[in-house]
Amino acid sequence: MKPYPNHWKHGVVRHTVLFAGVLLVMLPHCAWAVVAASDSLFVNYGGINMTVTIPENGSGPEGIADIGPFNPFLPVTGYVTLLEADQTISDILVSYTGSSLQLYSDGCPGFPPDLSGLTQLASIPETGLPQSVGNYFGIGADQIIVASDVPEPATLALLSLGGLALLKRKK
């Protein structure tokens, strides 16, 4: 004997689909879903403890996160590229002189920046999660953290609903 009648399962599926539809209609009108972070740079070094977030701009260019000046300067200068899944450059974290850091987000004016004379320190895949990169600049790994292509809250909610629907379906 099944623990729940068959019509109960159909009701759950129907309500889940209805709830997802309501979210799709309402979330774009919520303030927290409209301006979602795309890229973030966190630094805890040289007298600075700061996070700069570049907002997502759906139709136009994004921007540049700039943090500095550091005292003392970063021991290593150069740049780190963050790669999309298809290996194209998405974002670039640069320290030209060691006195500051700039995170150039894909599509910002002047992208890609002039990197002549600089050493490429690393090339890492973007994950959407915070990634420690301080070690590439000669300091503690967690003293510089970059997050690229962070999913917006609406996307996270829909992904969660999809995961729940799959779990329900497997049972």
Protein backbone atom coordinates (compact mmCIF):
# COMPACT_ATOMS: atom_id res chain seq x y z
CA MET A 1 0.00 0.00 0.00
CA LYS A 2 1.30 3.46 -0.92
CA PRO A 3 1.64 5.91 1.98
CA TYR A 4 -0.14 8.66 0.04
CA PRO A 5 -2.97 8.39 -2.45
CA ASN A 6 -2.05 9.04 -6.08
CA HIS A 7 -4.15 12.21 -6.26
CA TRP A 8 -2.02 13.70 -3.43
CA LYS A 9 1.14 13.42 -5.57
CA HIS A 10 -0.55 15.18 -8.47
CA GLY A 11 -1.62 17.95 -6.09
CA VAL A 12 1.97 18.44 -4.89
CA VAL A 13 3.27 18.65 -8.45
CA ARG A 14 0.48 21.06 -9.39
CA HIS A 15 1.22 23.28 -6.36
CA THR A 16 4.97 23.21 -7.02
CA VAL A 17 4.44 24.31 -10.62
CA LEU A 18 2.01 27.02 -9.49
CA PHE A 19 4.49 28.27 -6.86
CA ALA A 20 7.32 28.36 -9.44
CA GLY A 21 5.08 30.34 -11.80
CA VAL A 22 4.25 32.86 -9.07
CA LEU A 23 7.98 33.25 -8.31
CA LEU A 24 8.75 33.86 -11.96
CA VAL A 25 6.15 36.61 -12.12
CA MET A 26 6.84 38.27 -8.76
CA LEU A 27 10.61 38.06 -8.26
CA PRO A 28 11.56 40.54 -10.99
CA HIS A 29 9.50 43.13 -9.10
CA CYS A 30 11.27 42.58 -5.77
CA ALA A 31 14.04 45.08 -5.07
CA TRP A 32 16.49 42.41 -3.91
CA ALA A 33 16.03 40.42 -7.13
CA VAL A 34 16.50 43.34 -9.50
CA VAL A 35 20.03 44.45 -8.56
CA ALA A 36 21.99 41.25 -8.17
CA ALA A 37 25.69 41.01 -7.60
CA SER A 38 27.70 39.76 -10.52
CA ASP A 39 31.27 39.99 -9.26
CA SER A 40 32.77 40.80 -5.86
CA LEU A 41 36.27 41.56 -4.60
CA PHE A 42 37.18 41.24 -0.91
CA VAL A 43 40.53 42.44 0.45
CA ASN A 44 41.90 42.25 3.99
CA TYR A 45 45.45 43.54 3.56
CA GLY A 46 47.58 46.66 3.95
CA GLY A 47 45.24 48.46 6.33
CA ILE A 48 42.17 47.74 4.20
CA ASN A 49 39.29 45.43 5.05
CA MET A 50 36.75 45.98 2.29
CA THR A 51 34.40 44.32 -0.17
CA VAL A 52 33.42 45.92 -3.48
CA THR A 53 30.55 44.46 -5.49
CA ILE A 54 29.95 45.11 -9.16
CA PRO A 55 26.19 45.03 -9.88
CA GLU A 56 24.88 42.98 -12.78
CA ASN A 57 23.76 45.11 -15.70
CA GLY A 58 21.65 42.94 -17.97
CA SER A 59 21.81 45.08 -21.10
CA GLY A 60 25.02 47.06 -20.80
CA PRO A 61 28.55 46.99 -19.52
CA GLU A 62 29.32 46.01 -15.95
CA GLY A 63 32.16 47.80 -14.19
CA ILE A 64 35.44 47.85 -12.31
CA ALA A 65 36.03 47.19 -8.61
CA ASP A 66 39.00 49.22 -7.33
CA ILE A 67 40.53 48.73 -3.87
CA GLY A 68 43.60 50.49 -2.48
CA PRO A 69 46.00 52.05 -1.63
CA PHE A 70 47.76 49.31 0.31
CA ASN A 71 50.44 49.94 2.92
CA PRO A 72 52.62 47.92 2.53
CA PHE A 73 52.31 47.26 -1.20
CA LEU A 74 51.49 43.79 -2.47
CA PRO A 75 54.75 41.81 -2.82
CA VAL A 76 53.83 40.49 -6.29
CA THR A 77 52.28 42.44 -9.17
CA GLY A 78 50.52 40.96 -12.17
CA TYR A 79 47.10 39.63 -13.07
CA VAL A 80 44.78 36.67 -12.58
CA THR A 81 42.21 35.75 -15.23
CA LEU A 82 38.88 34.14 -14.40
CA LEU A 83 37.58 31.88 -17.14
CA GLU A 84 34.10 30.99 -18.35
CA ALA A 85 33.22 27.31 -18.86
CA ASP A 86 34.25 27.62 -22.53
CA GLN A 87 37.69 28.96 -21.45
CA THR A 88 37.06 32.55 -22.60
CA ILE A 89 38.20 35.28 -20.22
CA SER A 90 35.36 36.48 -18.06
CA ASP A 91 37.07 38.79 -15.55
CA ILE A 92 40.59 39.99 -14.78
CA LEU A 93 42.05 40.88 -11.37
CA VAL A 94 45.05 43.21 -11.78
CA SER A 95 47.68 44.83 -9.59
CA TYR A 96 49.80 47.15 -11.73
CA THR A 97 52.08 48.55 -9.01
CA GLY A 98 51.19 46.63 -5.85
CA SER A 99 49.48 49.67 -4.34
CA SER A 100 45.95 48.63 -5.38
CA LEU A 101 43.81 45.97 -7.05
CA GLN A 102 41.30 46.31 -9.86
CA LEU A 103 38.74 43.68 -10.83
CA TYR A 104 37.68 44.26 -14.43
CA SER A 105 34.30 42.65 -15.00
CA ASP A 106 33.46 41.29 -18.43
CA GLY A 107 31.94 43.91 -20.66
CA CYS A 108 33.17 46.91 -18.66
CA PRO A 109 34.56 49.88 -20.60
CA GLY A 110 38.17 49.15 -21.54
CA PHE A 111 37.83 45.36 -21.22
CA PRO A 112 40.24 43.71 -21.42
CA PRO A 113 42.59 46.20 -19.73
CA ASP A 114 46.13 46.85 -20.97
CA LEU A 115 48.24 44.10 -19.42
CA SER A 116 51.48 44.78 -21.29
CA GLY A 117 54.53 44.34 -19.10
CA LEU A 118 52.59 42.39 -16.44
CA THR A 119 52.98 38.73 -15.53
CA GLN A 120 49.99 36.42 -15.67
CA LEU A 121 49.97 34.94 -12.17
CA ALA A 122 47.15 32.44 -12.67
CA SER A 123 44.17 31.50 -14.77
CA ILE A 124 41.29 29.96 -12.82
CA PRO A 125 37.76 28.83 -13.72
CA GLU A 126 35.03 30.99 -12.24
CA THR A 127 32.75 29.04 -9.94
CA GLY A 128 30.29 31.62 -8.67
CA LEU A 129 31.69 30.93 -5.21
CA PRO A 130 34.34 32.92 -3.32
CA GLN A 131 37.82 31.96 -4.51
CA SER A 132 40.99 32.75 -2.54
CA VAL A 133 43.62 34.38 -4.75
CA GLY A 134 45.86 36.28 -2.31
CA ASN A 135 48.64 33.69 -2.64
CA TYR A 136 49.15 34.70 -6.29
CA PHE A 137 49.98 38.23 -5.11
CA GLY A 138 52.41 36.99 -2.44
CA ILE A 139 50.17 37.25 0.63
CA GLY A 140 47.83 34.92 2.50
CA ALA A 141 45.37 33.17 0.19
CA ASP A 142 42.28 34.41 2.06
CA GLN A 143 43.46 38.03 2.16
CA ILE A 144 42.15 38.52 -1.38
CA ILE A 145 38.96 36.75 -2.37
CA VAL A 146 37.13 37.12 -5.67
CA ALA A 147 33.67 35.83 -6.59
CA SER A 148 32.76 35.91 -10.25
CA ASP A 149 29.34 35.36 -11.81
CA VAL A 150 27.51 35.01 -8.52
CA PRO A 151 23.98 33.74 -9.21
CA GLU A 152 21.25 36.23 -8.39
CA PRO A 153 18.66 35.38 -5.69
CA ALA A 154 15.90 34.68 -8.23
CA THR A 155 18.07 32.16 -10.07
CA LEU A 156 19.03 30.49 -6.80
CA ALA A 157 15.36 30.20 -5.81
CA LEU A 158 14.42 28.62 -9.14
CA LEU A 159 17.35 26.21 -9.01
CA SER A 160 16.30 25.18 -5.50
CA LEU A 161 12.74 24.57 -6.64
CA GLY A 162 13.97 22.48 -9.55
CA GLY A 163 16.12 20.42 -7.20
CA LEU A 164 13.18 19.86 -4.85
CA ALA A 165 10.98 18.79 -7.75
CA LEU A 166 13.60 16.26 -8.85
CA LEU A 167 13.91 14.90 -5.31
CA LYS A 168 10.16 14.51 -5.05
CA ARG A 169 10.07 12.80 -8.45
CA LYS A 170 12.74 10.24 -7.48
CA LYS A 171 10.87 9.18 -4.34
